[in-house]
Amino acid sequence: MIRMLITQHQKGLLSQMSASIIHLNTSIMTDRVNSIIKYFDMESADMIAKAIDLIENLNDLSLEEKINLSEALTSIFYYHHFNGSNEMEKIATKSIKIIGSFGKDVLPFLTEELINADAESAVYLGKCIAFNKEEGVKIILNTWEKHAEDDFAIINIIQALSSFRMAEVENAIPKLIHATRSNNSHIKSMALSTLGTISLNNSIANIDDRLRKSMFNAVYSLLSDRKPLVRKNAVSTLGKMHKKAILNREQEGKVHSAFMSMLGKDGKHDWDREFIVRHEIEHFIQLFTAKETLADRYRQSFRILNKKELCHNTFHYEIDAPLIASKIKAGQFIIVRHNATSERIPLSVCGWDREKGSIQIIVNSVGKTSTEINHLNPGNSFTDIVGPLGVRSRVTKYNGTCIVIGGGYGAGAIIPTAHDLKAIGNRVIGIIGARTKNLLLMVDELKKACDEVIITTNDGSEGMTGFVTTALEEILNREKVEHVLAVGPVPMMEAISNMTRPKKIETYVSLNAIMVDGTGMCGACRVSIGNKVKFACIDGPDFNGHLVDFNELIKRQKMFVKHEKEALTAIEN
């Protein structure tokens, strides 16, 4: 079969061609495909539009038919951008979607077409290939290996990668970084341009820190390249990385200093003498030098730095939130919203790193929102996080033993308080319980914060057989206990409070009441403590367990069970 392959050298000739009809070897085409191809008159948008409509109505296409139609449709990419027709632009866009719908069957044809195409047509071919996501990236990388010595082909291949989303193209990042070191300045420039394009994709931060650092170092080093176009693309890519908050503070400082030097505004270095470079810097440097507003001062990325599965449907997250990390204390909590339309839910904080500026949470998939959160990955960001909220846990020096008890997901929440109690000289025993061994959470972390940790499982698969109350009873019988903190399911906290009440042991429980605004204004989280109304968000979340009206708390927690089940069912379907 004869394919019309048009290179940059042929564009001038093509622009002078009069009305043309693609001549293909019709002897091996099916009748229905052959009847459509005759409408591909490149001087008549109406004729081609008619052909497109006919193709869209076809179904059950054979492999041969898909390739024949792809050959005809891709020929549009070589024509439409020469006459400036908006109608042809629309037709080209529809052609991309049709070819993309053919699936991976036509990928070999598309990649062969790609390596011979002119620069403009390569953009459209790349979009067709990108419809196949991971499969598309895989075949492009294989094609890259096969044509590694063909600079013209490599330029088109790199450009095609800019059509993919970061989640799919991550495996190509190392190749693109390597391409920035090419001896061919055009390959360097195209690699930089593609890295810049995918940097604008919000999921760029999904790549791990080492790869992101390698990407930054490679791009930053080319600010001093001898070729103006390379420097200009390096500036553009760094500017886009900064715009999408991909750079850390140190990298931002380096880029800003370099930009100022290249503009000759640092008083130490000569400016870059090429206008295209300075013009690009002037565009992006505004992002660095814009006057800081009050909102900017308190803006945090809330980007997920790390994610770890603790057990089935339960994940540990580390989140970039430096302002919260600098203020939070043991027992306080946050309210998160993972996207612009989601509900706001309160979550305990199980740890933080003030120096790094991060906080840690545990999320168990129990409802619609928590399930959606657990679909997030490192690099994704929460839309907003409010905190720290609530009152710090009671931490003071006791004469007797302190016990911290975590049931289920509450195991993480007791760790900061255990750490603080031990830090001021208390003897601290941790009790952690779950139904079975595989559901135990944060055991090693709790051991670091306590003098002793007792594990209980309902089925006896790990540690002591029974409930956390079984372990608590054993401790109460052997030593003097002055303080107990319990975090977990309401029945567990009620049972613990009932055990310690007769012994008059100070007992605090963390109430996971229904919350809305988290500031005490809505009143949704009201609880009865010693016959007085309190709000869990501003008066708690820790309260004297001996005074809590647990019956009322349980009733209020069940108010929206039906709605929660309906919402969860909706996303599962």
Protein backbone atom coordinates (compact mmCIF):
# COMPACT_ATOMS: atom_id res chain seq x y z
CA MET A 1 0.00 0.00 0.00
CA ILE A 2 1.26 3.46 -0.88
CA ARG A 3 1.26 5.95 1.98
CA MET A 4 1.58 9.67 1.41
CA LEU A 5 4.52 10.66 3.63
CA ILE A 6 5.19 14.38 3.62
CA THR A 7 8.36 15.79 5.15
CA GLN A 8 9.29 19.41 5.75
CA HIS A 9 11.09 19.38 2.39
CA GLN A 10 7.80 18.52 0.69
CA LYS A 11 5.63 21.14 2.38
CA GLY A 12 6.45 23.86 -0.10
CA LEU A 13 5.47 21.65 -2.99
CA LEU A 14 2.34 20.48 -1.24
CA SER A 15 1.11 24.03 -0.59
CA GLN A 16 1.03 24.61 -4.35
CA MET A 17 -0.96 21.51 -5.16
CA SER A 18 -4.40 21.99 -6.57
CA ALA A 19 -7.39 19.83 -5.74
CA SER A 20 -6.04 16.42 -4.75
CA ILE A 21 -7.61 13.12 -4.06
CA ILE A 22 -5.68 10.50 -2.15
CA HIS A 23 -4.85 7.64 -4.45
CA LEU A 24 -4.61 4.41 -2.53
CA ASN A 25 -4.36 0.81 -3.59
CA THR A 26 -8.08 0.16 -3.52
CA SER A 27 -7.77 -3.41 -4.69
CA ILE A 28 -7.34 -4.67 -1.13
CA MET A 29 -9.93 -2.39 0.49
CA THR A 30 -13.39 -3.48 1.49
CA ASP A 31 -16.22 -1.95 -0.50
CA ARG A 32 -17.47 0.21 2.37
CA VAL A 33 -14.03 1.69 3.03
CA ASN A 34 -13.39 2.22 -0.69
CA SER A 35 -16.71 4.05 -1.03
CA ILE A 36 -15.65 6.48 1.73
CA ILE A 37 -12.07 7.13 0.61
CA LYS A 38 -13.30 8.72 -2.64
CA TYR A 39 -14.61 11.68 -0.60
CA PHE A 40 -11.11 12.62 0.64
CA ASP A 41 -10.68 15.65 -1.59
CA MET A 42 -8.18 17.85 0.27
CA GLU A 43 -9.49 21.00 -1.38
CA SER A 44 -13.04 20.44 -0.13
CA ALA A 45 -13.71 20.54 3.60
CA ASP A 46 -17.33 19.61 2.93
CA MET A 47 -16.34 16.42 1.14
CA ILE A 48 -13.98 15.36 3.90
CA ALA A 49 -16.57 16.21 6.55
CA LYS A 50 -18.99 13.89 4.75
CA ALA A 51 -16.37 11.14 4.79
CA ILE A 52 -15.83 11.68 8.51
CA ASP A 53 -19.56 11.32 9.17
CA LEU A 54 -19.65 8.05 7.23
CA ILE A 55 -16.65 6.67 9.17
CA GLU A 56 -18.25 7.54 12.51
CA ASN A 57 -21.24 5.36 11.60
CA LEU A 58 -19.12 2.29 10.86
CA ASN A 59 -18.82 -0.55 13.35
CA ASP A 60 -17.19 -3.96 13.65
CA LEU A 61 -14.17 -2.80 11.69
CA SER A 62 -11.53 -5.32 10.74
CA LEU A 63 -7.84 -4.65 11.36
CA GLU A 64 -7.34 -4.02 7.65
CA GLU A 65 -10.20 -1.51 7.58
CA LYS A 66 -8.85 0.33 10.65
CA ILE A 67 -5.45 0.71 8.99
CA ASN A 68 -6.96 1.82 5.66
CA LEU A 69 -9.10 4.43 7.38
CA SER A 70 -6.22 5.57 9.61
CA GLU A 71 -4.12 6.07 6.47
CA ALA A 72 -6.79 8.25 4.96
CA LEU A 73 -7.51 10.19 8.13
CA THR A 74 -3.85 10.88 8.96
CA SER A 75 -3.36 12.36 5.51
CA ILE A 76 -5.53 15.25 6.74
CA PHE A 77 -2.81 16.17 9.21
CA TYR A 78 -0.44 16.92 6.33
CA TYR A 79 -2.84 19.28 4.59
CA HIS A 80 -5.05 21.17 6.99
CA HIS A 81 -2.44 23.46 8.58
CA PHE A 82 -1.34 24.96 5.28
CA ASN A 83 -4.51 26.81 4.38
CA GLY A 84 -5.50 28.17 7.80
CA SER A 85 -9.00 26.71 7.60
CA ASN A 86 -10.86 26.53 10.91
CA GLU A 87 -13.11 23.93 9.38
CA MET A 88 -10.16 21.71 8.56
CA GLU A 89 -8.90 22.17 12.11
CA LYS A 90 -12.21 20.82 13.42
CA ILE A 91 -12.01 17.94 10.97
CA ALA A 92 -8.48 17.12 12.12
CA THR A 93 -9.66 17.08 15.75
CA LYS A 94 -12.49 14.68 14.89
CA SER A 95 -10.02 12.52 12.97
CA ILE A 96 -7.81 12.24 16.07
CA LYS A 97 -10.75 10.95 18.12
CA ILE A 98 -11.74 8.43 15.45
CA ILE A 99 -8.21 7.07 15.05
CA GLY A 100 -7.86 6.96 18.82
CA SER A 101 -11.02 4.86 19.03
CA PHE A 102 -9.40 2.23 16.78
CA GLY A 103 -7.23 1.30 19.75
CA LYS A 104 -3.81 -0.31 19.82
CA ASP A 105 -4.41 -2.16 16.51
CA VAL A 106 -3.23 0.90 14.57
CA LEU A 107 -0.31 1.86 16.82
CA PRO A 108 2.36 0.26 14.59
CA PHE A 109 1.02 2.23 11.62
CA LEU A 110 0.87 5.49 13.61
CA THR A 111 4.40 5.21 14.98
CA GLU A 112 5.78 4.40 11.52
CA GLU A 113 3.96 7.45 10.22
CA LEU A 114 5.27 9.52 13.13
CA ILE A 115 8.96 8.97 12.46
CA ASN A 116 8.60 10.31 8.91
CA ALA A 117 6.15 13.16 9.52
CA ASP A 118 6.79 16.89 9.41
CA ALA A 119 6.88 18.70 12.76
CA GLU A 120 3.31 20.03 12.65
CA SER A 121 1.80 16.71 11.62
CA ALA A 122 3.76 14.90 14.33
CA VAL A 123 1.73 16.84 16.91
CA TYR A 124 -1.53 15.36 15.61
CA LEU A 125 -0.10 11.88 15.27
CA GLY A 126 1.10 12.10 18.87
CA LYS A 127 -2.43 12.93 20.00
CA CYS A 128 -3.75 9.86 18.20
CA ILE A 129 -1.18 7.62 19.87
CA ALA A 130 -1.90 9.21 23.28
CA PHE A 131 -5.44 7.80 23.19
CA ASN A 132 -3.86 4.44 24.01
CA LYS A 133 -2.25 5.79 27.21
CA GLU A 134 0.26 3.27 28.66
CA GLU A 135 0.27 1.16 25.49
CA GLY A 136 0.95 4.29 23.47
CA VAL A 137 3.90 5.28 25.65
CA LYS A 138 5.27 1.75 25.47
CA ILE A 139 5.30 1.61 21.68
CA ILE A 140 6.76 5.14 21.44
CA LEU A 141 9.63 4.18 23.75
CA ASN A 142 10.22 1.00 21.73
CA THR A 143 10.24 3.07 18.55
CA TRP A 144 12.72 5.45 20.20
CA GLU A 145 15.08 2.52 20.83
CA LYS A 146 14.77 1.28 17.24
CA HIS A 147 15.46 4.72 15.75
CA ALA A 148 17.95 6.00 18.32
CA GLU A 149 20.38 7.09 15.56
CA ASP A 150 17.75 8.99 13.55
CA ASP A 151 17.68 12.52 14.97
CA PHE A 152 14.69 13.55 12.84
CA ALA A 153 12.65 10.61 14.15
CA ILE A 154 13.70 11.27 17.76
CA ILE A 155 12.50 14.87 17.57
CA ASN A 156 9.05 13.72 16.45
CA ILE A 157 8.95 10.97 19.07
CA ILE A 158 9.81 13.41 21.87
CA GLN A 159 7.19 15.86 20.64
CA ALA A 160 4.56 13.09 20.59
CA LEU A 161 5.20 12.39 24.27
CA SER A 162 3.93 15.87 25.15
CA SER A 163 0.41 14.67 24.30
CA PHE A 164 0.32 12.21 27.20
CA ARG A 165 -0.70 12.81 30.78
CA MET A 166 1.94 12.43 33.48
CA ALA A 167 0.35 9.30 34.97
CA GLU A 168 1.04 7.55 31.64
CA VAL A 169 4.28 9.18 30.53
CA GLU A 170 6.23 8.91 33.80
CA ASN A 171 8.30 6.02 32.45
CA ALA A 172 9.47 8.28 29.63
CA ILE A 173 10.82 11.00 31.94
CA PRO A 174 14.29 9.39 32.30
CA LYS A 175 14.55 9.20 28.48
CA LEU A 176 13.55 12.84 28.15
CA ILE A 177 16.10 13.85 30.78
CA HIS A 178 18.76 11.90 28.88
CA ALA A 179 17.69 13.62 25.65
CA THR A 180 18.47 17.02 27.21
CA ARG A 181 22.15 15.95 27.12
CA SER A 182 22.11 15.24 23.39
CA ASN A 183 24.74 16.81 21.14
CA ASN A 184 21.91 17.80 18.82
CA SER A 185 20.54 21.16 20.00
CA HIS A 186 17.18 20.51 18.31
CA ILE A 187 16.72 17.31 20.32
CA LYS A 188 17.71 19.20 23.48
CA SER A 189 15.21 21.93 22.74
CA MET A 190 12.39 19.51 21.97
CA ALA A 191 13.09 17.48 25.14
CA LEU A 192 12.95 20.67 27.21
CA SER A 193 9.76 21.78 25.49
CA THR A 194 8.10 18.43 26.17
CA LEU A 195 9.18 18.44 29.83
CA GLY A 196 7.71 21.93 30.10
CA THR A 197 4.42 20.85 28.56
CA ILE A 198 3.96 17.89 30.87
CA SER A 199 4.98 20.06 33.83
CA LEU A 200 1.74 21.94 33.35
CA ASN A 201 -0.10 18.70 34.03
CA ASN A 202 -1.17 18.68 37.70
CA SER A 203 -0.12 15.07 38.15
CA ILE A 204 3.53 15.90 37.34
CA ALA A 205 4.23 15.78 41.07
CA ASN A 206 3.36 12.07 41.04
CA ILE A 207 6.95 11.28 40.05
CA ASP A 208 9.20 10.48 42.96
CA ASP A 209 11.49 13.08 44.50
CA ARG A 210 14.68 11.66 43.01
CA LEU A 211 13.31 11.74 39.47
CA ARG A 212 11.93 15.25 40.01
CA LYS A 213 15.34 16.36 41.28
CA SER A 214 17.07 14.82 38.24
CA MET A 215 14.61 16.61 36.00
CA PHE A 216 15.30 19.95 37.71
CA ASN A 217 19.09 19.51 37.58
CA ALA A 218 19.02 18.61 33.89
CA VAL A 219 16.86 21.59 32.94
CA TYR A 220 18.67 24.06 35.23
CA SER A 221 22.07 23.10 33.78
CA LEU A 222 20.92 24.15 30.32
CA LEU A 223 20.39 27.78 31.34
CA SER A 224 24.03 28.23 30.30
CA ASP A 225 23.82 26.31 27.02
CA ARG A 226 25.48 28.05 24.08
CA LYS A 227 22.33 27.78 21.92
CA PRO A 228 19.72 30.53 22.57
CA LEU A 229 16.77 28.24 21.75
CA VAL A 230 17.96 25.71 24.30
CA ARG A 231 18.32 28.40 26.97
CA LYS A 232 14.92 29.82 26.11
CA ASN A 233 13.25 26.40 26.47
CA ALA A 234 15.11 25.75 29.73
CA VAL A 235 13.75 29.04 31.10
CA SER A 236 10.25 28.14 29.95
CA THR A 237 10.34 24.69 31.53
CA LEU A 238 11.66 25.97 34.87
CA GLY A 239 9.02 28.70 34.83
CA LYS A 240 6.28 26.14 34.25
CA MET A 241 7.65 23.89 37.01
CA HIS A 242 7.55 26.85 39.38
CA LYS A 243 4.05 27.77 38.24
CA LYS A 244 2.77 24.30 39.15
CA ALA A 245 4.57 24.34 42.54
CA ILE A 246 6.89 21.49 41.56
CA LEU A 247 10.05 23.24 42.75
CA ASN A 248 11.04 23.25 46.41
CA ARG A 249 12.13 26.46 48.13
CA GLU A 250 15.83 25.91 47.45
CA GLN A 251 15.18 25.26 43.77
CA GLU A 252 12.93 28.30 43.51
CA GLY A 253 15.73 30.42 44.97
CA LYS A 254 18.28 29.06 42.49
CA VAL A 255 16.00 29.68 39.53
CA HIS A 256 15.12 33.20 40.64
CA SER A 257 18.80 34.08 41.13
CA ALA A 258 19.67 32.65 37.71
CA PHE A 259 16.86 34.58 36.03
CA MET A 260 17.96 37.83 37.69
CA SER A 261 21.54 37.22 36.54
CA MET A 262 20.44 36.48 32.98
CA LEU A 263 18.52 39.76 32.99
CA GLY A 264 21.58 41.58 34.38
CA LYS A 265 19.64 42.68 37.47
CA ASP A 266 21.85 41.17 40.14
CA GLY A 267 24.67 43.66 39.70
CA LYS A 268 27.22 40.87 39.27
CA HIS A 269 26.75 39.26 35.87
CA ASP A 270 26.20 40.28 32.27
CA TRP A 271 22.74 39.72 30.95
CA ASP A 272 21.84 37.16 28.34
CA ARG A 273 22.30 38.85 24.98
CA GLU A 274 19.54 36.95 23.18
CA PHE A 275 16.15 38.63 23.10
CA ILE A 276 14.14 35.37 22.97
CA VAL A 277 15.78 34.25 26.24
CA ARG A 278 15.26 37.56 28.05
CA HIS A 279 11.69 37.80 26.81
CA GLU A 280 10.91 34.33 28.21
CA ILE A 281 12.49 35.22 31.56
CA GLU A 282 10.50 38.47 31.76
CA HIS A 283 7.33 36.42 31.32
CA PHE A 284 8.05 33.92 34.10
CA ILE A 285 9.99 36.02 36.59
CA GLN A 286 6.76 37.78 37.51
CA LEU A 287 5.75 34.54 39.25
CA PHE A 288 8.77 34.93 41.54
CA THR A 289 8.68 38.66 42.13
CA ALA A 290 4.94 39.32 42.44
CA LYS A 291 4.13 41.10 45.68
CA GLU A 292 3.19 38.60 48.34
CA THR A 293 -0.40 38.89 49.51
CA LEU A 294 -1.76 37.77 52.86
CA ALA A 295 -3.28 34.76 51.08
CA ASP A 296 0.12 33.86 49.59
CA ARG A 297 1.70 33.95 53.02
CA TYR A 298 -0.68 31.30 54.32
CA ARG A 299 -0.93 29.22 51.15
CA GLN A 300 0.18 25.59 51.42
CA SER A 301 0.34 22.97 48.67
CA PHE A 302 -1.25 20.13 50.68
CA ARG A 303 0.54 17.81 48.28
CA ILE A 304 0.77 14.13 49.19
CA LEU A 305 4.45 13.38 49.71
CA ASN A 306 4.15 9.69 50.59
CA LYS A 307 1.44 7.06 50.72
CA LYS A 308 1.71 3.67 52.41
CA GLU A 309 -0.87 0.91 52.70
CA LEU A 310 -1.19 -0.20 56.31
CA CYS A 311 -3.82 -2.86 55.70
CA HIS A 312 -6.77 -3.45 53.40
CA ASN A 313 -8.48 -0.12 52.57
CA THR A 314 -6.39 1.76 55.14
CA PHE A 315 -3.56 4.10 54.12
CA HIS A 316 -1.00 6.31 55.84
CA TYR A 317 -0.35 9.67 54.17
CA GLU A 318 2.38 12.25 54.60
CA ILE A 319 1.17 15.67 53.40
CA ASP A 320 3.03 18.91 52.76
CA ALA A 321 1.47 21.43 55.20
CA PRO A 322 4.27 23.48 56.81
CA LEU A 323 2.05 26.00 58.61
CA ILE A 324 -0.06 23.29 60.22
CA ALA A 325 3.04 21.25 61.08
CA SER A 326 4.57 24.25 62.83
CA LYS A 327 1.59 24.67 65.18
CA ILE A 328 -0.09 21.31 65.73
CA LYS A 329 -0.04 19.59 69.14
CA ALA A 330 -0.93 16.10 70.33
CA GLY A 331 -4.65 15.43 70.22
CA GLN A 332 -5.54 18.15 67.73
CA PHE A 333 -7.08 17.30 64.38
CA ILE A 334 -7.65 18.66 60.87
CA ILE A 335 -10.59 18.92 58.47
CA VAL A 336 -9.83 18.00 54.86
CA ARG A 337 -11.50 18.47 51.51
CA HIS A 338 -9.88 16.46 48.74
CA ASN A 339 -11.56 18.23 45.83
CA ALA A 340 -13.67 21.32 45.19
CA THR A 341 -16.99 19.48 45.44
CA SER A 342 -16.29 16.97 48.21
CA GLU A 343 -17.58 17.09 51.76
CA ARG A 344 -15.26 18.18 54.57
CA ILE A 345 -14.28 15.44 56.99
CA PRO A 346 -12.34 15.57 60.29
CA LEU A 347 -9.24 13.40 60.61
CA SER A 348 -6.85 12.75 63.48
CA VAL A 349 -3.18 13.58 62.94
CA CYS A 350 -0.87 10.69 63.84
CA GLY A 351 2.40 12.57 63.46
CA TRP A 352 4.27 15.50 61.95
CA ASP A 353 7.71 16.75 61.00
CA ARG A 354 8.06 20.44 61.82
CA GLU A 355 11.40 20.77 60.03
CA LYS A 356 10.16 19.11 56.86
CA GLY A 357 6.80 20.87 57.12
CA SER A 358 4.65 17.76 56.82
CA ILE A 359 1.81 16.10 58.72
CA GLN A 360 0.69 12.46 58.77
CA ILE A 361 -2.81 11.03 58.73
CA ILE A 362 -4.47 7.63 58.46
CA VAL A 363 -7.52 7.20 56.21
CA ASN A 364 -9.75 4.13 56.34
CA SER A 365 -12.21 3.64 53.47
CA VAL A 366 -15.53 3.54 55.29
CA GLY A 367 -17.62 5.97 53.22
CA LYS A 368 -17.73 7.83 49.92
CA THR A 369 -15.29 10.61 50.81
CA SER A 370 -12.69 8.44 52.57
CA THR A 371 -12.85 5.97 49.67
CA GLU A 372 -12.23 8.77 47.17
CA ILE A 373 -9.32 10.07 49.25
CA ASN A 374 -7.72 6.64 49.18
CA HIS A 375 -7.66 6.80 45.39
CA LEU A 376 -5.21 9.72 45.63
CA ASN A 377 -1.50 9.13 45.11
CA PRO A 378 1.78 10.89 45.90
CA GLY A 379 1.86 14.12 43.95
CA ASN A 380 -1.89 14.70 44.15
CA SER A 381 -3.02 17.53 46.41
CA PHE A 382 -5.95 18.09 48.75
CA THR A 383 -7.96 21.15 47.76
CA ASP A 384 -7.78 22.45 51.31
CA ILE A 385 -6.95 21.40 54.86
CA VAL A 386 -8.02 23.38 57.91
CA GLY A 387 -6.11 23.03 61.15
CA PRO A 388 -4.87 22.51 63.69
CA LEU A 389 -8.29 22.35 65.33
CA GLY A 390 -9.41 21.34 68.78
CA VAL A 391 -7.69 21.35 72.17
CA ARG A 392 -4.42 19.62 72.95
CA SER A 393 -4.62 16.29 74.79
CA ARG A 394 -4.08 16.42 78.54
CA VAL A 395 -0.32 16.04 79.11
CA THR A 396 1.10 16.41 82.61
CA LYS A 397 3.39 14.55 85.02
CA TYR A 398 1.63 11.73 86.91
CA ASN A 399 2.74 9.66 89.88
CA GLY A 400 1.38 6.47 88.32
CA THR A 401 1.33 4.81 84.92
CA CYS A 402 -0.27 6.39 81.88
CA ILE A 403 -2.08 4.15 79.39
CA VAL A 404 -2.90 5.08 75.81
CA ILE A 405 -5.33 2.80 73.98
CA GLY A 406 -5.97 2.71 70.25
CA GLY A 407 -8.62 0.62 68.58
CA GLY A 408 -8.64 0.25 64.77
CA TYR A 409 -7.73 3.51 63.02
CA GLY A 410 -7.45 5.18 66.45
CA ALA A 411 -4.04 3.51 66.87
CA GLY A 412 -2.32 6.32 65.03
CA ALA A 413 -4.03 9.13 66.93
CA ILE A 414 -2.64 8.07 70.32
CA ILE A 415 1.02 8.15 69.21
CA PRO A 416 1.65 11.94 69.57
CA THR A 417 0.11 11.99 73.08
CA ALA A 418 2.08 8.90 74.12
CA HIS A 419 5.26 10.59 72.91
CA ASP A 420 4.53 13.78 74.88
CA LEU A 421 3.60 11.93 78.06
CA LYS A 422 6.80 9.92 77.97
CA ALA A 423 8.91 12.98 77.11
CA ILE A 424 8.10 14.60 80.48
CA GLY A 425 8.98 11.49 82.48
CA ASN A 426 5.82 9.41 82.64
CA ARG A 427 5.75 5.63 82.35
CA VAL A 428 3.56 5.01 79.30
CA ILE A 429 1.97 1.73 78.26
CA GLY A 430 0.29 1.45 74.87
CA ILE A 431 -2.53 -0.94 74.07
CA ILE A 432 -3.42 -1.52 70.46
CA GLY A 433 -6.26 -3.75 69.30
CA ALA A 434 -7.81 -5.12 66.13
CA ARG A 435 -10.04 -7.97 65.01
CA THR A 436 -7.12 -9.86 63.49
CA LYS A 437 -3.37 -9.55 62.95
CA ASN A 438 -3.67 -8.12 59.43
CA LEU A 439 -5.67 -5.14 60.71
CA LEU A 440 -3.16 -3.92 63.31
CA LEU A 441 -1.91 -0.40 62.62
CA MET A 442 1.22 1.58 63.53
CA VAL A 443 2.55 -0.97 66.02
CA ASP A 444 6.24 -0.16 65.49
CA GLU A 445 5.59 3.58 65.70
CA LEU A 446 3.69 3.17 68.98
CA LYS A 447 6.52 1.08 70.44
CA LYS A 448 8.90 4.00 69.90
CA ALA A 449 6.60 6.30 71.88
CA CYS A 450 5.88 3.95 74.80
CA ASP A 451 7.74 2.04 77.48
CA GLU A 452 5.63 -1.03 76.77
CA VAL A 453 3.07 -2.00 74.13
CA ILE A 454 0.46 -4.74 74.48
CA ILE A 455 -1.25 -6.08 71.35
CA THR A 456 -4.69 -7.64 71.39
CA THR A 457 -6.60 -9.36 68.60
CA ASN A 458 -10.11 -10.75 68.79
CA ASP A 459 -9.07 -14.00 67.12
CA GLY A 460 -5.74 -14.39 68.93
CA SER A 461 -3.72 -14.22 65.70
CA GLU A 462 -1.31 -11.74 67.34
CA GLY A 463 -0.59 -10.88 70.95
CA MET A 464 -3.23 -11.32 73.64
CA THR A 465 -6.54 -12.92 72.67
CA GLY A 466 -9.49 -10.64 73.35
CA PHE A 467 -10.27 -6.94 73.36
CA VAL A 468 -8.27 -3.91 74.50
CA THR A 469 -10.27 -4.06 77.73
CA THR A 470 -8.70 -7.48 78.38
CA ALA A 471 -5.23 -5.92 78.31
CA LEU A 472 -6.39 -2.91 80.33
CA GLU A 473 -7.74 -5.17 83.07
CA GLU A 474 -4.42 -7.03 83.23
CA ILE A 475 -2.49 -3.75 83.69
CA LEU A 476 -4.93 -2.40 86.31
CA ASN A 477 -4.40 -5.56 88.34
CA ARG A 478 -0.62 -5.29 88.33
CA GLU A 479 0.24 -1.59 88.79
CA LYS A 480 -1.00 1.82 89.75
CA VAL A 481 -2.60 3.66 86.81
CA GLU A 482 -3.41 7.35 87.01
CA HIS A 483 -4.29 8.32 83.45
CA VAL A 484 -5.97 6.62 80.47
CA LEU A 485 -6.52 7.96 76.95
CA ALA A 486 -8.69 5.93 74.57
CA VAL A 487 -9.21 6.60 70.86
CA GLY A 488 -11.29 4.34 68.66
CA PRO A 489 -14.84 3.03 68.16
CA VAL A 490 -17.42 4.49 70.52
CA PRO A 491 -18.37 1.13 72.13
CA MET A 492 -14.69 0.55 72.94
CA MET A 493 -14.29 3.99 74.55
CA GLU A 494 -17.50 3.51 76.53
CA ALA A 495 -16.34 0.11 77.79
CA ILE A 496 -13.00 1.55 78.91
CA SER A 497 -14.69 4.45 80.69
CA ASN A 498 -16.96 2.00 82.51
CA MET A 499 -13.92 -0.02 83.64
CA THR A 500 -11.99 2.96 85.04
CA ARG A 501 -14.93 4.82 86.63
CA PRO A 502 -15.17 2.64 89.78
CA LYS A 503 -11.41 3.00 90.29
CA LYS A 504 -11.62 6.78 89.79
CA ILE A 505 -8.82 6.71 87.19
CA GLU A 506 -8.66 9.85 85.10
CA THR A 507 -9.91 8.81 81.65
CA TYR A 508 -10.14 10.79 78.45
CA VAL A 509 -11.76 9.67 75.22
CA SER A 510 -11.53 11.29 71.79
CA LEU A 511 -15.03 11.84 70.40
CA ASN A 512 -15.42 11.46 66.66
CA ALA A 513 -18.69 13.37 66.47
CA ILE A 514 -20.28 14.52 63.20
CA MET A 515 -18.62 17.79 62.18
CA VAL A 516 -19.28 20.40 59.53
CA ASP A 517 -17.41 23.68 59.93
CA GLY A 518 -14.99 22.80 62.76
CA THR A 519 -15.15 26.24 64.39
CA GLY A 520 -18.09 25.81 66.77
CA MET A 521 -20.50 27.89 64.69
CA CYS A 522 -22.68 25.17 63.15
CA GLY A 523 -23.27 23.17 66.31
CA ALA A 524 -23.35 19.85 64.43
CA CYS A 525 -20.73 18.24 66.68
CA ARG A 526 -22.48 18.97 69.98
CA VAL A 527 -22.08 16.33 72.66
CA SER A 528 -23.35 16.05 76.23
CA ILE A 529 -20.58 16.07 78.83
CA GLY A 530 -21.79 15.94 82.44
CA ASN A 531 -25.26 17.09 81.27
CA LYS A 532 -23.72 20.16 79.62
CA VAL A 533 -23.60 20.80 75.88
CA LYS A 534 -20.08 20.93 74.48
CA PHE A 535 -18.75 21.07 70.94
CA ALA A 536 -16.22 18.42 69.94
CA CYS A 537 -14.49 20.74 67.49
CA ILE A 538 -13.57 23.54 69.90
CA ASP A 539 -13.99 22.01 73.38
CA GLY A 540 -12.54 18.61 72.40
CA PRO A 541 -12.00 16.26 70.79
CA ASP A 542 -10.83 14.78 74.14
CA PHE A 543 -13.36 14.71 76.98
CA ASN A 544 -13.65 13.13 80.40
CA GLY A 545 -14.95 9.66 79.54
CA HIS A 546 -16.80 9.37 82.83
CA LEU A 547 -19.01 12.32 81.92
CA VAL A 548 -19.78 11.52 78.26
CA ASP A 549 -23.36 10.64 77.30
CA PHE A 550 -22.41 7.74 75.03
CA ASN A 551 -26.02 6.80 74.22
CA GLU A 552 -26.65 10.23 72.73
CA LEU A 553 -23.33 10.12 70.84
CA ILE A 554 -24.16 6.75 69.26
CA LYS A 555 -27.62 7.96 68.18
CA ARG A 556 -26.19 11.09 66.57
CA GLN A 557 -23.52 9.09 64.74
CA LYS A 558 -26.24 6.94 63.13
CA MET A 559 -28.16 9.92 61.74
CA PHE A 560 -26.65 9.71 58.26
CA VAL A 561 -25.79 6.01 57.97
CA LYS A 562 -28.40 5.44 55.26
CA HIS A 563 -27.17 8.40 53.20
CA GLU A 564 -23.55 7.33 53.59
CA LYS A 565 -24.34 3.85 52.29
CA GLU A 566 -26.20 5.28 49.31
CA ALA A 567 -23.29 7.60 48.48
CA LEU A 568 -20.76 4.76 48.77
CA THR A 569 -22.89 2.50 46.57
CA ALA A 570 -23.08 5.26 43.95
CA ILE A 571 -19.29 5.54 43.53
CA GLU A 572 -18.83 1.75 43.55
CA ASN A 573 -21.27 1.49 40.64
